[in-house]
Amino acid sequence: MTERTAKVWDKDVPVSVHQKSKSVWVAVGTYHGQRIEAKGRSESAALALWRETARYRGG
């Protein structure tokens, strides 16, 4: 598991990223009290999807 930082609007948010299988990466973190999990085909894709989801949920 790797700790990364995702910039959501103006805040740096810690996000954990790990490889679930050969082609599935999972990013997990908490934003505004909500646990957010996103999956992607690469570490960067999972992190980007997590950031996008956090922006959507955070308004």
PDB file of N, CA and C in Angstrom:
ATOM      1  N   MET A   1       0.850  -1.178   0.000  1.00  0.00           N
ATOM      2  CA  MET A   1       0.000   0.000   0.000  1.00  0.00           C
ATOM      3  C   MET A   1       0.893   1.238   0.000  1.00  0.00           C
ATOM      4  N   THR A   2       0.537   2.187  -0.820  1.00  0.00           N
ATOM      5  CA  THR A   2       1.312   3.409  -0.963  1.00  0.00           C
ATOM      6  C   THR A   2       0.465   4.600  -0.561  1.00  0.00           C
ATOM      7  N   GLU A   3       1.045   5.500   0.195  1.00  0.00           N
ATOM      8  CA  GLU A   3       0.350   6.732   0.566  1.00  0.00           C
ATOM      9  C   GLU A   3       0.668   7.802  -0.472  1.00  0.00           C
ATOM     10  N   ARG A   4      -0.365   8.400  -1.001  1.00  0.00           N
ATOM     11  CA  ARG A   4      -0.230   9.491  -1.965  1.00  0.00           C
ATOM     12  C   ARG A   4      -1.022  10.687  -1.455  1.00  0.00           C
ATOM     13  N   THR A   5      -0.814  11.827  -2.073  1.00  0.00           N
ATOM     14  CA  THR A   5      -1.568  13.023  -1.739  1.00  0.00           C
ATOM     15  C   THR A   5      -2.325  13.461  -2.985  1.00  0.00           C
ATOM     16  N   ALA A   6      -3.619  13.679  -2.808  1.00  0.00           N
ATOM     17  CA  ALA A   6      -4.449  14.155  -3.916  1.00  0.00           C
ATOM     18  C   ALA A   6      -4.899  15.574  -3.601  1.00  0.00           C
ATOM     19  N   LYS A   7      -4.784  16.465  -4.560  1.00  0.00           N
ATOM     20  CA  LYS A   7      -5.236  17.843  -4.366  1.00  0.00           C
ATOM     21  C   LYS A   7      -6.691  17.931  -4.811  1.00  0.00           C
ATOM     22  N   VAL A   8      -7.570  18.195  -3.850  1.00  0.00           N
ATOM     23  CA  VAL A   8      -8.997  18.342  -4.136  1.00  0.00           C
ATOM     24  C   VAL A   8      -9.346  19.786  -3.830  1.00  0.00           C
ATOM     25  N   TRP A   9      -9.719  20.509  -4.873  1.00  0.00           N
ATOM     26  CA  TRP A   9      -9.909  21.953  -4.819  1.00  0.00           C
ATOM     27  C   TRP A   9      -8.634  22.573  -4.258  1.00  0.00           C
ATOM     28  N   ASP A  10      -8.634  23.080  -3.048  1.00  0.00           N
ATOM     29  CA  ASP A  10      -7.425  23.716  -2.521  1.00  0.00           C
ATOM     30  C   ASP A  10      -6.789  22.932  -1.372  1.00  0.00           C
ATOM     31  N   LYS A  11      -7.243  21.703  -1.145  1.00  0.00           N
ATOM     32  CA  LYS A  11      -6.746  20.908  -0.026  1.00  0.00           C
ATOM     33  C   LYS A  11      -5.952  19.691  -0.509  1.00  0.00           C
ATOM     34  N   ASP A  12      -4.883  19.384   0.230  1.00  0.00           N
ATOM     35  CA  ASP A  12      -4.133  18.152  -0.002  1.00  0.00           C
ATOM     36  C   ASP A  12      -4.722  17.073   0.894  1.00  0.00           C
ATOM     37  N   VAL A  13      -5.151  15.971   0.296  1.00  0.00           N
ATOM     38  CA  VAL A  13      -5.829  14.901   1.013  1.00  0.00           C
ATOM     39  C   VAL A  13      -5.011  13.615   0.885  1.00  0.00           C
ATOM     40  N   PRO A  14      -4.715  12.945   2.019  1.00  0.00           N
ATOM     41  CA  PRO A  14      -3.979  11.680   1.934  1.00  0.00           C
ATOM     42  C   PRO A  14      -4.859  10.549   1.384  1.00  0.00           C
ATOM     43  N   VAL A  15      -4.309   9.781   0.476  1.00  0.00           N
ATOM     44  CA  VAL A  15      -5.031   8.678  -0.164  1.00  0.00           C
ATOM     45  C   VAL A  15      -4.116   7.459  -0.193  1.00  0.00           C
ATOM     46  N   SER A  16      -4.648   6.300   0.179  1.00  0.00           N
ATOM     47  CA  SER A  16      -3.901   5.044   0.107  1.00  0.00           C
ATOM     48  C   SER A  16      -4.212   4.367  -1.216  1.00  0.00           C
ATOM     49  N   VAL A  17      -3.169   3.906  -1.900  1.00  0.00           N
ATOM     50  CA  VAL A  17      -3.338   3.239  -3.190  1.00  0.00           C
ATOM     51  C   VAL A  17      -2.646   1.878  -3.124  1.00  0.00           C
ATOM     52  N   HIS A  18      -3.359   0.848  -3.558  1.00  0.00           N
ATOM     53  CA  HIS A  18      -2.741  -0.475  -3.605  1.00  0.00           C
ATOM     54  C   HIS A  18      -3.210  -1.234  -4.839  1.00  0.00           C
ATOM     55  N   GLN A  19      -2.421  -2.227  -5.225  1.00  0.00           N
ATOM     56  CA  GLN A  19      -2.738  -3.037  -6.392  1.00  0.00           C
ATOM     57  C   GLN A  19      -3.505  -4.271  -5.935  1.00  0.00           C
ATOM     58  N   LYS A  20      -4.754  -4.380  -6.398  1.00  0.00           N
ATOM     59  CA  LYS A  20      -5.615  -5.492  -6.002  1.00  0.00           C
ATOM     60  C   LYS A  20      -5.343  -6.733  -6.854  1.00  0.00           C
ATOM     61  N   SER A  21      -5.124  -6.525  -8.136  1.00  0.00           N
ATOM     62  CA  SER A  21      -4.783  -7.619  -9.045  1.00  0.00           C
ATOM     63  C   SER A  21      -3.879  -7.042 -10.131  1.00  0.00           C
ATOM     64  N   LYS A  22      -3.569  -7.845 -11.123  1.00  0.00           N
ATOM     65  CA  LYS A  22      -2.643  -7.403 -12.165  1.00  0.00           C
ATOM     66  C   LYS A  22      -3.095  -6.117 -12.856  1.00  0.00           C
ATOM     67  N   SER A  23      -4.392  -5.980 -13.058  1.00  0.00           N
ATOM     68  CA  SER A  23      -4.881  -4.802 -13.788  1.00  0.00           C
ATOM     69  C   SER A  23      -5.873  -3.958 -12.994  1.00  0.00           C
ATOM     70  N   VAL A  24      -5.916  -4.121 -11.671  1.00  0.00           N
ATOM     71  CA  VAL A  24      -6.830  -3.324 -10.853  1.00  0.00           C
ATOM     72  C   VAL A  24      -6.076  -2.676  -9.699  1.00  0.00           C
ATOM     73  N   TRP A  25      -6.147  -1.352  -9.652  1.00  0.00           N
ATOM     74  CA  TRP A  25      -5.579  -0.566  -8.568  1.00  0.00           C
ATOM     75  C   TRP A  25      -6.734   0.081  -7.816  1.00  0.00           C
ATOM     76  N   VAL A  26      -6.585   0.214  -6.498  1.00  0.00           N
ATOM     77  CA  VAL A  26      -7.642   0.775  -5.667  1.00  0.00           C
ATOM     78  C   VAL A  26      -7.082   1.949  -4.866  1.00  0.00           C
ATOM     79  N   ALA A  27      -7.787   3.073  -4.913  1.00  0.00           N
ATOM     80  CA  ALA A  27      -7.434   4.259  -4.134  1.00  0.00           C
ATOM     81  C   ALA A  27      -8.522   4.473  -3.087  1.00  0.00           C
ATOM     82  N   VAL A  28      -8.114   4.645  -1.828  1.00  0.00           N
ATOM     83  CA  VAL A  28      -9.063   4.808  -0.728  1.00  0.00           C
ATOM     84  C   VAL A  28      -8.637   5.988   0.128  1.00  0.00           C
ATOM     85  N   GLY A  29      -9.606   6.841   0.447  1.00  0.00           N
ATOM     86  CA  GLY A  29      -9.331   7.977   1.317  1.00  0.00           C
ATOM     87  C   GLY A  29     -10.626   8.572   1.825  1.00  0.00           C
ATOM     88  N   THR A  30     -10.498   9.518   2.741  1.00  0.00           N
ATOM     89  CA  THR A  30     -11.665  10.177   3.323  1.00  0.00           C
ATOM     90  C   THR A  30     -11.643  11.648   2.951  1.00  0.00           C
ATOM     91  N   TYR A  31     -12.777  12.143   2.475  1.00  0.00           N
ATOM     92  CA  TYR A  31     -12.908  13.559   2.122  1.00  0.00           C
ATOM     93  C   TYR A  31     -14.222  14.060   2.674  1.00  0.00           C
ATOM     94  N   HIS A  32     -14.176  15.110   3.468  1.00  0.00           N
ATOM     95  CA  HIS A  32     -15.361  15.677   4.134  1.00  0.00           C
ATOM     96  C   HIS A  32     -16.133  14.610   4.906  1.00  0.00           C
ATOM     97  N   GLY A  33     -15.411  13.728   5.566  1.00  0.00           N
ATOM     98  CA  GLY A  33     -16.032  12.704   6.396  1.00  0.00           C
ATOM     99  C   GLY A  33     -16.599  11.518   5.643  1.00  0.00           C
ATOM    100  N   GLN A  34     -16.453  11.498   4.330  1.00  0.00           N
ATOM    101  CA  GLN A  34     -16.962  10.390   3.520  1.00  0.00           C
ATOM    102  C   GLN A  34     -15.800   9.536   3.023  1.00  0.00           C
ATOM    103  N   ARG A  35     -15.920   8.226   3.209  1.00  0.00           N
ATOM    104  CA  ARG A  35     -14.911   7.305   2.686  1.00  0.00           C
ATOM    105  C   ARG A  35     -15.157   7.136   1.192  1.00  0.00           C
ATOM    106  N   ILE A  36     -14.116   7.341   0.421  1.00  0.00           N
ATOM    107  CA  ILE A  36     -14.233   7.235  -1.031  1.00  0.00           C
ATOM    108  C   ILE A  36     -13.258   6.170  -1.512  1.00  0.00           C
ATOM    109  N   GLU A  37     -13.744   5.286  -2.373  1.00  0.00           N
ATOM    110  CA  GLU A  37     -12.918   4.235  -2.972  1.00  0.00           C
ATOM    111  C   GLU A  37     -13.093   4.298  -4.479  1.00  0.00           C
ATOM    112  N   ALA A  38     -11.978   4.272  -5.181  1.00  0.00           N
ATOM    113  CA  ALA A  38     -12.020   4.308  -6.642  1.00  0.00           C
ATOM    114  C   ALA A  38     -11.080   3.257  -7.200  1.00  0.00           C
ATOM    115  N   LYS A  39     -11.474   2.638  -8.315  1.00  0.00           N
ATOM    116  CA  LYS A  39     -10.653   1.603  -8.951  1.00  0.00           C
ATOM    117  C   LYS A  39     -10.255   2.055 -10.350  1.00  0.00           C
ATOM    118  N   GLY A  40      -9.039   1.687 -10.734  1.00  0.00           N
ATOM    119  CA  GLY A  40      -8.557   2.019 -12.064  1.00  0.00           C
ATOM    120  C   GLY A  40      -7.587   0.964 -12.553  1.00  0.00           C
ATOM    121  N   ARG A  41      -7.197   1.064 -13.830  1.00  0.00           N
ATOM    122  CA  ARG A  41      -6.287   0.085 -14.432  1.00  0.00           C
ATOM    123  C   ARG A  41      -4.833   0.359 -14.100  1.00  0.00           C
ATOM    124  N   SER A  42      -4.562   1.533 -13.517  1.00  0.00           N
ATOM    125  CA  SER A  42      -3.201   1.871 -13.093  1.00  0.00           C
ATOM    126  C   SER A  42      -3.301   2.680 -11.807  1.00  0.00           C
ATOM    127  N   GLU A  43      -2.169   2.856 -11.148  1.00  0.00           N
ATOM    128  CA  GLU A  43      -2.155   3.645  -9.911  1.00  0.00           C
ATOM    129  C   GLU A  43      -2.617   5.074 -10.179  1.00  0.00           C
ATOM    130  N   SER A  44      -2.105   5.674 -11.232  1.00  0.00           N
ATOM    131  CA  SER A  44      -2.467   7.055 -11.537  1.00  0.00           C
ATOM    132  C   SER A  44      -3.935   7.182 -11.953  1.00  0.00           C
ATOM    133  N   ALA A  45      -4.462   6.183 -12.652  1.00  0.00           N
ATOM    134  CA  ALA A  45      -5.870   6.211 -13.053  1.00  0.00           C
ATOM    135  C   ALA A  45      -6.786   6.113 -11.838  1.00  0.00           C
ATOM    136  N   ALA A  46      -6.440   5.247 -10.890  1.00  0.00           N
ATOM    137  CA  ALA A  46      -7.244   5.104  -9.674  1.00  0.00           C
ATOM    138  C   ALA A  46      -7.213   6.391  -8.864  1.00  0.00           C
ATOM    139  N   LEU A  47      -6.037   7.003  -8.758  1.00  0.00           N
ATOM    140  CA  LEU A  47      -5.901   8.250  -8.009  1.00  0.00           C
ATOM    141  C   LEU A  47      -6.675   9.382  -8.683  1.00  0.00           C
ATOM    142  N   ALA A  48      -6.618   9.461 -10.001  1.00  0.00           N
ATOM    143  CA  ALA A  48      -7.349  10.498 -10.736  1.00  0.00           C
ATOM    144  C   ALA A  48      -8.854  10.321 -10.564  1.00  0.00           C
ATOM    145  N   LEU A  49      -9.329   9.090 -10.614  1.00  0.00           N
ATOM    146  CA  LEU A  49     -10.754   8.833 -10.430  1.00  0.00           C
ATOM    147  C   LEU A  49     -11.175   9.155  -8.997  1.00  0.00           C
ATOM    148  N   TRP A  50     -10.321   8.856  -8.031  1.00  0.00           N
ATOM    149  CA  TRP A  50     -10.614   9.188  -6.634  1.00  0.00           C
ATOM    150  C   TRP A  50     -10.767  10.699  -6.489  1.00  0.00           C
ATOM    151  N   ARG A  51      -9.830  11.454  -7.071  1.00  0.00           N
ATOM    152  CA  ARG A  51      -9.852  12.922  -7.004  1.00  0.00           C
ATOM    153  C   ARG A  51     -11.136  13.475  -7.639  1.00  0.00           C
ATOM    154  N   GLU A  52     -11.499  12.937  -8.786  1.00  0.00           N
ATOM    155  CA  GLU A  52     -12.704  13.368  -9.486  1.00  0.00           C
ATOM    156  C   GLU A  52     -13.958  13.080  -8.658  1.00  0.00           C
ATOM    157  N   THR A  53     -14.007  11.907  -8.038  1.00  0.00           N
ATOM    158  CA  THR A  53     -15.146  11.524  -7.196  1.00  0.00           C
ATOM    159  C   THR A  53     -15.243  12.427  -5.974  1.00  0.00           C
ATOM    160  N   ALA A  54     -14.105  12.733  -5.359  1.00  0.00           N
ATOM    161  CA  ALA A  54     -14.090  13.615  -4.190  1.00  0.00           C
ATOM    162  C   ALA A  54     -14.573  15.019  -4.560  1.00  0.00           C
ATOM    163  N   ARG A  55     -14.160  15.518  -5.692  1.00  0.00           N
ATOM    164  CA  ARG A  55     -14.621  16.842  -6.137  1.00  0.00           C
ATOM    165  C   ARG A  55     -16.126  16.860  -6.364  1.00  0.00           C
ATOM    166  N   TYR A  56     -16.637  15.786  -6.962  1.00  0.00           N
ATOM    167  CA  TYR A  56     -18.072  15.685  -7.227  1.00  0.00           C
ATOM    168  C   TYR A  56     -18.860  15.644  -5.920  1.00  0.00           C
ATOM    169  N   ARG A  57     -18.424  14.805  -4.983  1.00  0.00           N
ATOM    170  CA  ARG A  57     -19.142  14.663  -3.712  1.00  0.00           C
ATOM    171  C   ARG A  57     -18.979  15.873  -2.802  1.00  0.00           C
ATOM    172  N   GLY A  58     -17.838  16.545  -2.926  1.00  0.00           N
ATOM    173  CA  GLY A  58     -17.558  17.678  -2.056  1.00  0.00           C
ATOM    174  C   GLY A  58     -18.194  18.969  -2.514  1.00  0.00           C
ATOM    175  N   GLY A  59     -18.756  18.955  -3.701  1.00  0.00           N
ATOM    176  CA  GLY A  59     -19.451  20.139  -4.200  1.00  0.00           C
ATOM    177  C   GLY A  59     -18.517  21.086  -4.840  1.00  0.00           C
TER     178      GLY A  59
END
